N, C-alpha and C. Protein backbone atom coordinates (compact mmCIF):
# COMPACT_ATOMS: atom_id res chain seq x y z
N MET A 1 11.90 110.57 38.87
CA MET A 1 12.19 110.24 40.26
C MET A 1 12.30 108.72 40.45
N LYS A 2 11.34 108.05 39.84
CA LYS A 2 11.33 106.57 39.92
C LYS A 2 12.57 105.99 39.25
N SER A 3 12.98 106.58 38.13
CA SER A 3 14.16 106.12 37.40
C SER A 3 15.41 106.32 38.23
N LEU A 4 15.49 107.47 38.92
CA LEU A 4 16.66 107.75 39.77
C LEU A 4 16.73 106.77 40.92
N PHE A 5 15.59 106.42 41.53
CA PHE A 5 15.55 105.45 42.64
C PHE A 5 16.01 104.07 42.18
N THR A 6 15.53 103.67 41.00
CA THR A 6 15.92 102.36 40.44
C THR A 6 17.41 102.30 40.17
N THR A 7 17.95 103.37 39.62
CA THR A 7 19.39 103.42 39.32
C THR A 7 20.20 103.36 40.60
N SER A 8 19.76 104.07 41.63
CA SER A 8 20.48 104.06 42.92
C SER A 8 20.44 102.68 43.56
N ALA A 9 19.28 102.05 43.48
CA ALA A 9 19.14 100.70 44.06
C ALA A 9 20.04 99.70 43.36
N LEU A 10 20.11 99.78 42.04
CA LEU A 10 20.98 98.87 41.27
C LEU A 10 22.44 99.11 41.60
N PHE A 11 22.83 100.37 41.79
CA PHE A 11 24.21 100.71 42.11
C PHE A 11 24.61 100.16 43.48
N ILE A 12 23.68 100.30 44.46
CA ILE A 12 23.95 99.77 45.80
C ILE A 12 24.05 98.25 45.77
N PHE A 13 23.18 97.57 45.02
CA PHE A 13 23.22 96.11 44.88
C PHE A 13 24.54 95.65 44.27
N PHE A 14 25.02 96.39 43.27
CA PHE A 14 26.28 96.06 42.60
C PHE A 14 27.45 96.17 43.57
N LEU A 15 27.42 97.24 44.41
CA LEU A 15 28.49 97.41 45.39
C LEU A 15 28.50 96.27 46.41
N LEU A 16 27.32 95.87 46.86
CA LEU A 16 27.23 94.76 47.82
C LEU A 16 27.72 93.46 47.21
N LEU A 17 27.37 93.23 45.96
CA LEU A 17 27.80 92.01 45.27
C LEU A 17 29.30 91.98 45.09
N LEU A 18 29.89 93.13 44.74
CA LEU A 18 31.33 93.22 44.55
C LEU A 18 32.07 92.97 45.85
N ALA A 19 31.56 93.54 46.94
CA ALA A 19 32.19 93.35 48.25
C ALA A 19 32.13 91.89 48.66
N SER A 20 31.01 91.23 48.37
CA SER A 20 30.85 89.81 48.70
C SER A 20 31.85 88.96 47.93
N CYS A 21 32.05 89.24 46.65
CA CYS A 21 32.98 88.45 45.81
C CYS A 21 34.41 88.64 46.28
N GLN A 22 34.78 89.84 46.67
CA GLN A 22 36.15 90.11 47.08
C GLN A 22 36.49 89.47 48.41
N SER A 23 35.50 89.30 49.28
CA SER A 23 35.77 88.75 50.60
C SER A 23 35.69 87.23 50.63
N SER A 24 35.11 86.62 49.60
CA SER A 24 34.97 85.15 49.60
C SER A 24 36.28 84.50 49.20
N GLN A 25 36.57 83.31 49.79
CA GLN A 25 37.78 82.55 49.47
C GLN A 25 37.51 81.63 48.30
N PRO A 26 38.59 81.16 47.61
CA PRO A 26 38.42 80.24 46.49
C PRO A 26 37.73 78.96 46.93
N ALA A 27 37.10 78.28 45.99
CA ALA A 27 36.32 77.08 46.30
C ALA A 27 37.20 75.95 46.83
N PHE A 28 38.54 75.94 46.48
CA PHE A 28 39.38 74.83 46.90
C PHE A 28 39.97 75.04 48.29
N SER A 29 39.73 76.19 48.91
CA SER A 29 40.23 76.45 50.26
C SER A 29 39.39 75.66 51.27
N LYS A 30 40.09 75.09 52.27
CA LYS A 30 39.39 74.37 53.32
C LYS A 30 38.96 75.33 54.41
N ARG A 31 37.93 74.96 55.15
CA ARG A 31 37.42 75.81 56.22
C ARG A 31 38.52 76.03 57.26
N GLY A 32 38.75 77.30 57.58
CA GLY A 32 39.76 77.64 58.57
C GLY A 32 41.16 77.71 57.99
N GLU A 33 41.34 77.40 56.70
CA GLU A 33 42.65 77.42 56.07
C GLU A 33 42.96 78.82 55.56
N GLU A 34 44.17 79.30 55.82
CA GLU A 34 44.57 80.62 55.35
C GLU A 34 44.70 80.62 53.83
N TYR A 35 44.17 81.64 53.21
CA TYR A 35 44.21 81.71 51.75
C TYR A 35 45.63 81.95 51.26
N ARG A 36 46.02 81.16 50.25
CA ARG A 36 47.31 81.34 49.61
C ARG A 36 47.10 81.37 48.11
N SER A 37 47.82 82.23 47.46
CA SER A 37 47.69 82.34 46.01
C SER A 37 48.37 81.16 45.35
N ALA A 38 48.06 80.94 44.08
CA ALA A 38 48.69 79.85 43.33
C ALA A 38 50.20 80.03 43.29
N ARG A 39 50.65 81.28 43.21
CA ARG A 39 52.09 81.53 43.17
C ARG A 39 52.75 81.13 44.50
N GLU A 40 52.09 81.42 45.61
CA GLU A 40 52.62 81.05 46.93
C GLU A 40 52.68 79.53 47.10
N ILE A 41 51.62 78.85 46.64
CA ILE A 41 51.58 77.39 46.75
C ILE A 41 52.69 76.76 45.91
N ALA A 42 52.90 77.26 44.70
CA ALA A 42 53.95 76.74 43.82
C ALA A 42 55.33 76.98 44.43
N ALA A 43 55.54 78.15 45.02
CA ALA A 43 56.83 78.46 45.65
C ALA A 43 57.10 77.52 46.82
N GLU A 44 56.04 77.22 47.61
CA GLU A 44 56.20 76.31 48.74
C GLU A 44 56.56 74.90 48.27
N LYS A 45 55.93 74.44 47.18
CA LYS A 45 56.23 73.11 46.65
C LYS A 45 57.66 73.03 46.16
N ARG A 46 58.13 74.10 45.49
CA ARG A 46 59.51 74.10 45.01
C ARG A 46 60.49 74.07 46.18
N ALA A 47 60.19 74.79 47.25
CA ALA A 47 61.06 74.81 48.43
C ALA A 47 61.13 73.43 49.08
N LYS A 48 59.97 72.74 49.17
CA LYS A 48 59.94 71.39 49.76
C LYS A 48 60.73 70.41 48.91
N LYS A 49 60.62 70.55 47.58
CA LYS A 49 61.33 69.65 46.68
C LYS A 49 62.84 69.83 46.82
N ARG A 50 63.28 71.10 46.92
CA ARG A 50 64.71 71.36 47.09
C ARG A 50 65.20 70.81 48.41
N ALA A 51 64.41 70.99 49.46
CA ALA A 51 64.79 70.49 50.78
C ALA A 51 64.88 68.96 50.78
N GLY A 52 63.97 68.30 50.04
CA GLY A 52 63.99 66.84 49.94
C GLY A 52 65.24 66.33 49.25
N ARG A 53 65.64 67.03 48.18
CA ARG A 53 66.84 66.61 47.45
C ARG A 53 68.08 66.78 48.31
N GLN A 54 68.16 67.89 49.04
CA GLN A 54 69.32 68.12 49.89
C GLN A 54 69.36 67.13 51.04
N GLY A 55 68.18 66.83 51.61
CA GLY A 55 68.13 65.87 52.70
C GLY A 55 68.51 64.48 52.25
N GLY A 56 68.15 64.12 51.01
CA GLY A 56 68.44 62.80 50.49
C GLY A 56 69.92 62.52 50.37
N LYS A 57 70.72 63.57 50.17
CA LYS A 57 72.15 63.39 50.01
C LYS A 57 72.80 62.92 51.31
N TYR A 58 72.19 63.35 52.44
CA TYR A 58 72.82 63.07 53.72
C TYR A 58 72.01 62.15 54.61
N ALA A 59 70.85 61.71 54.13
CA ALA A 59 69.99 60.86 54.94
C ALA A 59 70.71 59.59 55.33
N GLY A 60 70.74 59.28 56.62
CA GLY A 60 71.35 58.04 57.09
C GLY A 60 72.85 58.11 57.22
N ALA A 61 73.48 59.27 56.92
CA ALA A 61 74.93 59.35 56.96
C ALA A 61 75.47 59.14 58.36
N THR A 62 74.69 59.54 59.38
CA THR A 62 75.17 59.40 60.75
C THR A 62 74.40 58.33 61.51
N THR A 63 73.61 57.54 60.80
CA THR A 63 72.80 56.52 61.45
C THR A 63 73.58 55.22 61.57
N GLY A 64 73.64 54.65 62.76
CA GLY A 64 74.36 53.40 62.95
C GLY A 64 73.58 52.23 62.38
N THR A 65 74.28 51.12 62.12
CA THR A 65 73.63 49.94 61.55
C THR A 65 73.62 48.83 62.57
N SER A 66 72.47 48.32 62.87
CA SER A 66 72.34 47.23 63.83
C SER A 66 72.92 45.95 63.25
N LYS A 67 73.56 45.17 64.10
CA LYS A 67 74.17 43.92 63.62
C LYS A 67 73.13 42.87 63.29
N ASP A 68 71.91 43.04 63.80
CA ASP A 68 70.90 42.02 63.54
C ASP A 68 69.64 42.64 62.96
N ARG A 69 69.83 43.72 62.18
CA ARG A 69 68.68 44.38 61.55
C ARG A 69 68.29 43.62 60.29
N THR A 70 67.01 43.36 60.15
CA THR A 70 66.52 42.76 58.93
C THR A 70 66.54 43.82 57.84
N SER A 71 67.14 43.51 56.70
CA SER A 71 67.26 44.50 55.63
C SER A 71 66.09 44.39 54.68
N ARG A 72 65.19 45.39 54.74
CA ARG A 72 64.07 45.43 53.80
C ARG A 72 64.21 46.61 52.85
N THR A 73 65.11 47.55 53.21
CA THR A 73 65.39 48.63 52.28
C THR A 73 66.48 48.17 51.35
N ARG A 74 66.40 48.61 50.13
CA ARG A 74 67.35 48.15 49.13
C ARG A 74 68.46 49.17 48.94
N VAL A 75 69.67 48.82 49.40
CA VAL A 75 70.82 49.69 49.20
C VAL A 75 71.42 49.36 47.83
N PRO A 76 71.64 50.36 46.97
CA PRO A 76 72.20 50.10 45.64
C PRO A 76 73.53 49.38 45.74
N ASN A 77 73.67 48.27 45.02
CA ASN A 77 74.92 47.53 45.05
C ASN A 77 75.97 48.20 44.17
N ARG A 78 77.23 47.96 44.48
CA ARG A 78 78.33 48.62 43.81
C ARG A 78 78.70 47.89 42.52
N ASN A 79 78.30 48.36 41.38
CA ASN A 79 78.73 47.85 40.08
C ASN A 79 78.87 46.34 40.05
N LEU A 80 77.82 45.65 40.42
CA LEU A 80 77.86 44.19 40.45
C LEU A 80 77.91 43.62 39.04
N ASP A 81 78.54 42.45 38.95
CA ASP A 81 78.48 41.69 37.71
C ASP A 81 77.00 41.45 37.38
N SER A 82 76.66 41.50 36.12
CA SER A 82 75.25 41.40 35.72
C SER A 82 74.62 40.09 36.17
N ASP A 83 75.37 38.99 36.14
CA ASP A 83 74.82 37.70 36.57
C ASP A 83 74.53 37.70 38.07
N VAL A 84 75.46 38.27 38.84
CA VAL A 84 75.27 38.35 40.29
C VAL A 84 74.03 39.20 40.61
N ALA A 85 73.93 40.34 39.94
CA ALA A 85 72.79 41.24 40.17
C ALA A 85 71.47 40.56 39.82
N THR A 86 71.47 39.78 38.74
CA THR A 86 70.26 39.08 38.31
C THR A 86 69.83 38.05 39.34
N VAL A 87 70.78 37.28 39.86
CA VAL A 87 70.47 36.25 40.86
C VAL A 87 69.95 36.88 42.15
N ILE A 88 70.59 37.96 42.59
CA ILE A 88 70.15 38.65 43.81
C ILE A 88 68.75 39.21 43.63
N GLU A 89 68.50 39.80 42.48
CA GLU A 89 67.16 40.35 42.21
C GLU A 89 66.11 39.25 42.22
N ALA A 90 66.46 38.10 41.63
CA ALA A 90 65.52 36.98 41.60
C ALA A 90 65.23 36.49 43.03
N ALA A 91 66.28 36.37 43.84
CA ALA A 91 66.10 35.90 45.22
C ALA A 91 65.24 36.88 46.02
N ARG A 92 65.50 38.17 45.85
CA ARG A 92 64.75 39.18 46.60
C ARG A 92 63.28 39.24 46.18
N SER A 93 62.99 38.79 44.99
CA SER A 93 61.59 38.80 44.55
C SER A 93 60.75 37.84 45.37
N TYR A 94 61.39 36.94 46.13
CA TYR A 94 60.67 35.98 46.97
C TYR A 94 60.59 36.44 48.43
N THR A 95 61.06 37.65 48.73
CA THR A 95 61.03 38.16 50.10
C THR A 95 59.61 38.07 50.68
N GLY A 96 59.53 37.48 51.86
CA GLY A 96 58.23 37.33 52.52
C GLY A 96 57.54 36.01 52.27
N VAL A 97 58.00 35.24 51.28
CA VAL A 97 57.40 33.93 51.01
C VAL A 97 57.65 33.02 52.22
N PRO A 98 56.65 32.34 52.73
CA PRO A 98 56.83 31.50 53.93
C PRO A 98 57.73 30.30 53.67
N TYR A 99 58.31 29.80 54.76
CA TYR A 99 59.17 28.61 54.65
C TYR A 99 58.31 27.36 54.43
N ARG A 100 58.80 26.53 53.56
CA ARG A 100 58.15 25.23 53.34
C ARG A 100 59.22 24.23 52.94
N TRP A 101 59.35 23.17 53.72
CA TRP A 101 60.38 22.17 53.44
C TRP A 101 60.16 21.57 52.05
N GLY A 102 61.21 21.61 51.23
CA GLY A 102 61.13 21.08 49.87
C GLY A 102 60.51 22.05 48.88
N GLY A 103 60.10 23.24 49.35
CA GLY A 103 59.40 24.19 48.48
C GLY A 103 60.33 24.94 47.54
N THR A 104 59.82 25.24 46.35
CA THR A 104 60.58 26.00 45.35
C THR A 104 59.69 27.02 44.64
N THR A 105 58.55 27.36 45.25
CA THR A 105 57.62 28.29 44.61
C THR A 105 57.21 29.39 45.59
N ARG A 106 56.36 30.31 45.12
CA ARG A 106 55.90 31.40 45.98
C ARG A 106 54.89 30.94 47.03
N VAL A 107 54.44 29.71 46.91
CA VAL A 107 53.57 29.14 47.94
C VAL A 107 54.40 28.84 49.19
N GLY A 108 55.63 28.41 48.98
CA GLY A 108 56.54 28.09 50.08
C GLY A 108 57.92 27.79 49.53
N MET A 109 58.95 28.09 50.32
CA MET A 109 60.33 27.96 49.86
C MET A 109 61.22 27.50 51.00
N ASP A 110 62.13 26.57 50.69
CA ASP A 110 63.14 26.24 51.69
C ASP A 110 64.47 26.88 51.28
N CYS A 111 65.49 26.78 52.13
CA CYS A 111 66.71 27.56 51.92
C CYS A 111 67.45 27.18 50.63
N SER A 112 67.65 25.90 50.40
CA SER A 112 68.38 25.49 49.19
C SER A 112 67.50 25.67 47.96
N GLY A 113 66.18 25.53 48.14
CA GLY A 113 65.26 25.73 47.02
C GLY A 113 65.28 27.17 46.54
N LEU A 114 65.43 28.13 47.48
CA LEU A 114 65.50 29.54 47.12
C LEU A 114 66.69 29.79 46.19
N LEU A 115 67.82 29.18 46.52
CA LEU A 115 69.02 29.40 45.71
C LEU A 115 68.91 28.69 44.36
N CYS A 116 68.39 27.48 44.36
CA CYS A 116 68.20 26.77 43.09
C CYS A 116 67.33 27.59 42.14
N THR A 117 66.22 28.10 42.67
CA THR A 117 65.28 28.87 41.86
C THR A 117 65.91 30.18 41.39
N SER A 118 66.68 30.85 42.27
CA SER A 118 67.30 32.13 41.92
C SER A 118 68.37 31.96 40.86
N PHE A 119 69.16 30.90 40.94
CA PHE A 119 70.22 30.68 39.96
C PHE A 119 69.66 30.25 38.60
N GLN A 120 68.46 29.75 38.59
CA GLN A 120 67.83 29.42 37.31
C GLN A 120 67.63 30.66 36.45
N SER A 121 67.63 31.85 37.08
CA SER A 121 67.45 33.10 36.33
C SER A 121 68.63 33.39 35.41
N ILE A 122 69.78 32.71 35.65
CA ILE A 122 70.93 32.84 34.74
C ILE A 122 71.27 31.48 34.13
N ASP A 123 70.27 30.59 34.12
CA ASP A 123 70.40 29.26 33.51
C ASP A 123 71.50 28.41 34.15
N VAL A 124 71.62 28.51 35.46
CA VAL A 124 72.58 27.68 36.20
C VAL A 124 71.80 26.73 37.10
N ALA A 125 72.10 25.43 37.00
CA ALA A 125 71.42 24.42 37.81
C ALA A 125 72.28 24.12 39.03
N LEU A 126 71.86 24.62 40.18
CA LEU A 126 72.57 24.37 41.43
C LEU A 126 72.18 23.01 41.99
N PRO A 127 73.08 22.34 42.74
CA PRO A 127 72.68 21.12 43.44
C PRO A 127 71.50 21.42 44.35
N ARG A 128 70.69 20.44 44.67
CA ARG A 128 69.42 20.69 45.37
C ARG A 128 69.55 20.91 46.86
N THR A 129 70.46 20.25 47.55
CA THR A 129 70.52 20.37 49.00
C THR A 129 71.62 21.34 49.44
N SER A 130 71.48 21.87 50.65
CA SER A 130 72.48 22.81 51.17
C SER A 130 73.84 22.13 51.33
N GLU A 131 73.84 20.85 51.71
CA GLU A 131 75.11 20.13 51.87
C GLU A 131 75.81 19.99 50.53
N GLU A 132 75.06 19.68 49.48
CA GLU A 132 75.66 19.56 48.14
C GLU A 132 76.11 20.92 47.62
N GLN A 133 75.33 21.95 47.90
CA GLN A 133 75.69 23.29 47.46
C GLN A 133 76.98 23.78 48.14
N SER A 134 77.26 23.29 49.33
CA SER A 134 78.47 23.70 50.05
C SER A 134 79.74 23.23 49.36
N ARG A 135 79.60 22.28 48.43
CA ARG A 135 80.75 21.78 47.67
C ARG A 135 80.78 22.35 46.25
N TYR A 136 79.86 23.26 45.94
CA TYR A 136 79.74 23.83 44.61
C TYR A 136 80.52 25.15 44.55
N GLY A 137 81.81 25.06 44.27
CA GLY A 137 82.64 26.25 44.20
C GLY A 137 83.81 26.17 45.15
N SER A 138 84.54 27.27 45.28
CA SER A 138 85.73 27.30 46.13
C SER A 138 85.43 28.07 47.42
N GLU A 139 85.99 27.59 48.52
CA GLU A 139 85.76 28.22 49.82
C GLU A 139 86.46 29.57 49.88
N VAL A 140 85.82 30.56 50.50
CA VAL A 140 86.41 31.90 50.65
C VAL A 140 86.36 32.31 52.12
N LYS A 141 87.33 33.16 52.51
CA LYS A 141 87.37 33.66 53.87
C LYS A 141 86.31 34.74 54.05
N THR A 142 85.84 34.88 55.26
CA THR A 142 84.77 35.86 55.51
C THR A 142 85.22 37.28 55.19
N LYS A 143 86.50 37.59 55.36
CA LYS A 143 86.98 38.95 55.06
C LYS A 143 86.99 39.23 53.55
N ASP A 144 86.87 38.17 52.76
CA ASP A 144 86.88 38.33 51.30
C ASP A 144 85.48 38.15 50.69
N LEU A 145 84.47 38.08 51.53
CA LEU A 145 83.11 37.86 51.03
C LEU A 145 82.67 38.98 50.08
N ARG A 146 81.91 38.60 49.07
CA ARG A 146 81.31 39.57 48.16
C ARG A 146 79.93 39.08 47.74
N GLU A 147 79.18 39.97 47.13
CA GLU A 147 77.82 39.64 46.72
C GLU A 147 77.80 38.42 45.79
N GLY A 148 76.85 37.51 46.05
CA GLY A 148 76.74 36.29 45.25
C GLY A 148 77.35 35.08 45.91
N ASP A 149 78.21 35.28 46.92
CA ASP A 149 78.80 34.14 47.63
C ASP A 149 77.73 33.43 48.45
N LEU A 150 77.91 32.14 48.63
CA LEU A 150 76.98 31.34 49.42
C LEU A 150 77.53 31.16 50.82
N VAL A 151 76.68 31.27 51.83
CA VAL A 151 77.11 31.09 53.22
C VAL A 151 76.34 29.93 53.83
N PHE A 152 77.05 29.11 54.60
CA PHE A 152 76.47 27.87 55.11
C PHE A 152 76.51 27.81 56.64
N PHE A 153 75.50 27.12 57.18
CA PHE A 153 75.33 27.05 58.63
C PHE A 153 75.03 25.62 59.05
N GLY A 154 75.30 25.33 60.31
CA GLY A 154 75.04 23.99 60.83
C GLY A 154 75.81 23.78 62.11
N THR A 155 75.97 22.52 62.50
CA THR A 155 76.71 22.21 63.72
C THR A 155 78.17 21.88 63.44
N SER A 156 78.47 21.49 62.20
CA SER A 156 79.85 21.19 61.80
C SER A 156 79.91 21.11 60.27
N LYS A 157 81.12 21.03 59.74
CA LYS A 157 81.27 20.93 58.28
C LYS A 157 80.65 19.64 57.74
N ARG A 158 80.50 18.67 58.62
CA ARG A 158 79.88 17.42 58.20
C ARG A 158 78.37 17.43 58.40
N ASN A 159 77.87 18.51 58.98
CA ASN A 159 76.43 18.57 59.24
C ASN A 159 75.91 19.97 58.89
N ILE A 160 76.00 20.32 57.60
CA ILE A 160 75.49 21.60 57.11
C ILE A 160 73.99 21.47 56.88
N THR A 161 73.23 22.38 57.48
CA THR A 161 71.76 22.26 57.41
C THR A 161 71.07 23.50 56.84
N HIS A 162 71.84 24.55 56.57
CA HIS A 162 71.20 25.80 56.12
C HIS A 162 72.14 26.57 55.20
N VAL A 163 71.55 27.32 54.26
CA VAL A 163 72.35 28.08 53.29
C VAL A 163 71.66 29.41 52.98
N GLY A 164 72.48 30.41 52.68
CA GLY A 164 71.97 31.70 52.23
C GLY A 164 72.92 32.28 51.20
N MET A 165 72.58 33.42 50.65
CA MET A 165 73.43 34.07 49.64
C MET A 165 73.68 35.52 50.03
N VAL A 166 74.93 35.95 49.94
CA VAL A 166 75.30 37.33 50.27
C VAL A 166 74.68 38.29 49.26
N THR A 167 74.01 39.32 49.78
CA THR A 167 73.37 40.32 48.91
C THR A 167 74.02 41.69 49.02
N GLU A 168 74.61 42.01 50.17
CA GLU A 168 75.25 43.31 50.38
C GLU A 168 76.45 43.15 51.31
N VAL A 169 77.57 43.77 50.94
CA VAL A 169 78.73 43.84 51.82
C VAL A 169 78.91 45.31 52.14
N ASN A 170 78.42 45.73 53.30
CA ASN A 170 78.43 47.15 53.67
C ASN A 170 79.64 47.54 54.49
N SER A 171 80.14 46.61 55.30
CA SER A 171 81.32 46.88 56.14
C SER A 171 81.81 45.53 56.64
N PRO A 172 82.99 45.49 57.29
CA PRO A 172 83.50 44.21 57.81
C PRO A 172 82.56 43.52 58.79
N GLU A 173 81.65 44.28 59.41
CA GLU A 173 80.72 43.67 60.37
C GLU A 173 79.27 43.79 59.93
N ASP A 174 79.06 44.12 58.68
CA ASP A 174 77.69 44.23 58.16
C ASP A 174 77.62 43.60 56.77
N VAL A 175 77.38 42.31 56.77
CA VAL A 175 77.28 41.53 55.52
C VAL A 175 75.89 40.92 55.48
N ARG A 176 75.06 41.36 54.57
CA ARG A 176 73.69 40.88 54.48
C ARG A 176 73.60 39.64 53.60
N PHE A 177 72.77 38.71 54.02
CA PHE A 177 72.53 37.52 53.19
C PHE A 177 71.04 37.23 53.19
N ILE A 178 70.57 36.67 52.09
CA ILE A 178 69.16 36.31 51.96
C ILE A 178 69.03 34.81 52.12
N HIS A 179 67.97 34.39 52.79
CA HIS A 179 67.77 32.96 53.04
C HIS A 179 66.31 32.72 53.38
N ALA A 180 65.93 31.46 53.41
CA ALA A 180 64.57 31.09 53.80
C ALA A 180 64.61 30.62 55.25
N SER A 181 64.21 31.50 56.15
CA SER A 181 64.19 31.19 57.58
C SER A 181 62.97 30.32 57.89
N THR A 182 63.17 29.34 58.75
CA THR A 182 62.06 28.45 59.09
C THR A 182 60.94 29.19 59.81
N SER A 183 61.27 30.26 60.53
CA SER A 183 60.25 30.99 61.29
C SER A 183 59.70 32.22 60.57
N LEU A 184 60.53 32.88 59.75
CA LEU A 184 60.12 34.13 59.13
C LEU A 184 60.03 34.09 57.60
N GLY A 185 60.35 32.95 57.02
CA GLY A 185 60.30 32.85 55.56
C GLY A 185 61.50 33.52 54.91
N VAL A 186 61.38 33.92 53.66
CA VAL A 186 62.50 34.51 52.92
C VAL A 186 62.75 35.92 53.46
N ILE A 187 63.98 36.12 53.93
CA ILE A 187 64.32 37.36 54.63
C ILE A 187 65.82 37.61 54.49
N GLU A 188 66.26 38.82 54.78
CA GLU A 188 67.68 39.16 54.79
C GLU A 188 68.12 39.50 56.21
N ASN A 189 69.30 38.99 56.59
CA ASN A 189 69.85 39.25 57.91
C ASN A 189 71.34 39.53 57.81
N ASN A 190 71.90 39.98 58.93
CA ASN A 190 73.34 40.24 58.99
C ASN A 190 74.07 38.97 59.40
N LEU A 191 75.04 38.59 58.60
CA LEU A 191 75.84 37.39 58.89
C LEU A 191 76.53 37.51 60.24
N TYR A 192 76.85 38.74 60.67
CA TYR A 192 77.61 38.95 61.90
C TYR A 192 76.75 39.14 63.14
N SER A 193 75.46 38.89 63.02
CA SER A 193 74.64 38.90 64.23
C SER A 193 75.04 37.70 65.09
N PRO A 194 74.93 37.80 66.40
CA PRO A 194 75.39 36.72 67.29
C PRO A 194 74.81 35.36 66.94
N HIS A 195 73.53 35.30 66.60
CA HIS A 195 72.90 34.02 66.31
C HIS A 195 73.57 33.32 65.14
N TYR A 196 73.77 34.04 64.03
CA TYR A 196 74.33 33.40 62.83
C TYR A 196 75.82 33.14 62.95
N GLN A 197 76.52 33.95 63.76
CA GLN A 197 77.93 33.68 63.98
C GLN A 197 78.14 32.37 64.75
N LYS A 198 77.19 32.05 65.61
CA LYS A 198 77.31 30.81 66.38
C LYS A 198 77.20 29.57 65.51
N ILE A 199 76.42 29.66 64.44
CA ILE A 199 76.18 28.46 63.63
C ILE A 199 76.83 28.54 62.25
N PHE A 200 77.55 29.65 61.97
CA PHE A 200 78.20 29.79 60.66
C PHE A 200 79.30 28.74 60.50
N ILE A 201 79.34 28.11 59.32
CA ILE A 201 80.34 27.08 59.03
C ILE A 201 81.38 27.56 58.02
N LYS A 202 80.90 28.01 56.85
CA LYS A 202 81.85 28.44 55.82
C LYS A 202 81.12 29.21 54.72
N ALA A 203 81.93 29.77 53.81
CA ALA A 203 81.39 30.48 52.65
C ALA A 203 82.01 29.92 51.38
N VAL A 204 81.25 29.90 50.32
CA VAL A 204 81.70 29.33 49.05
C VAL A 204 81.35 30.29 47.91
N ARG A 205 82.27 30.43 46.97
CA ARG A 205 82.00 31.25 45.78
C ARG A 205 81.66 30.33 44.62
N PRO A 206 80.45 30.40 44.09
CA PRO A 206 80.06 29.53 42.95
C PRO A 206 80.99 29.76 41.76
N PRO A 207 81.32 28.71 41.04
CA PRO A 207 82.24 28.83 39.90
C PRO A 207 81.71 29.71 38.77
N VAL A 208 80.40 29.95 38.72
CA VAL A 208 79.82 30.78 37.65
C VAL A 208 80.13 32.25 37.86
N PHE A 209 80.59 32.63 39.08
CA PHE A 209 80.94 34.01 39.37
C PHE A 209 82.45 34.15 39.37
């Protein structure tokens, strides 16, 4: 009789333990989170990855471009000459460096110093001042601008005070150039924004390109 009672008690305990195990959620489930099997989680991840790839093909296709948007996203350039690509990459590596008159380092950079330092990446020694750089190469029309061209600003051709380099030609009204702004440091802007159109003087293509 005692043996039968012990056996019955053990059987009931086993049933309770089994019911408890079946109703408990996995240890990695968060409180209040619906249980999902590993197969369901993997399927969801694959679906998200596919959706991301499809979205990437069309992302920004219908988005307008501001004429004075600072370009911090990097749009892939179209089969650039290797020297041009190297100089642009070197210049962009200084993005965010504060302006410093006469500066040529990451501590501080001025506009002509940025170009001198960037062209050193292809062993080209540019003249030091923006006025001297404006005579380094042949003048080009704005409709013919391409990556690597230098753009100059000031009050007149005899008073050039600022220089930048074209980094992206996206459309006739969206030409990005990198420069060392006195207020924002090394940054990229649209040449066709109202501010820069007012002070734009000319563009020059360096003879090395």
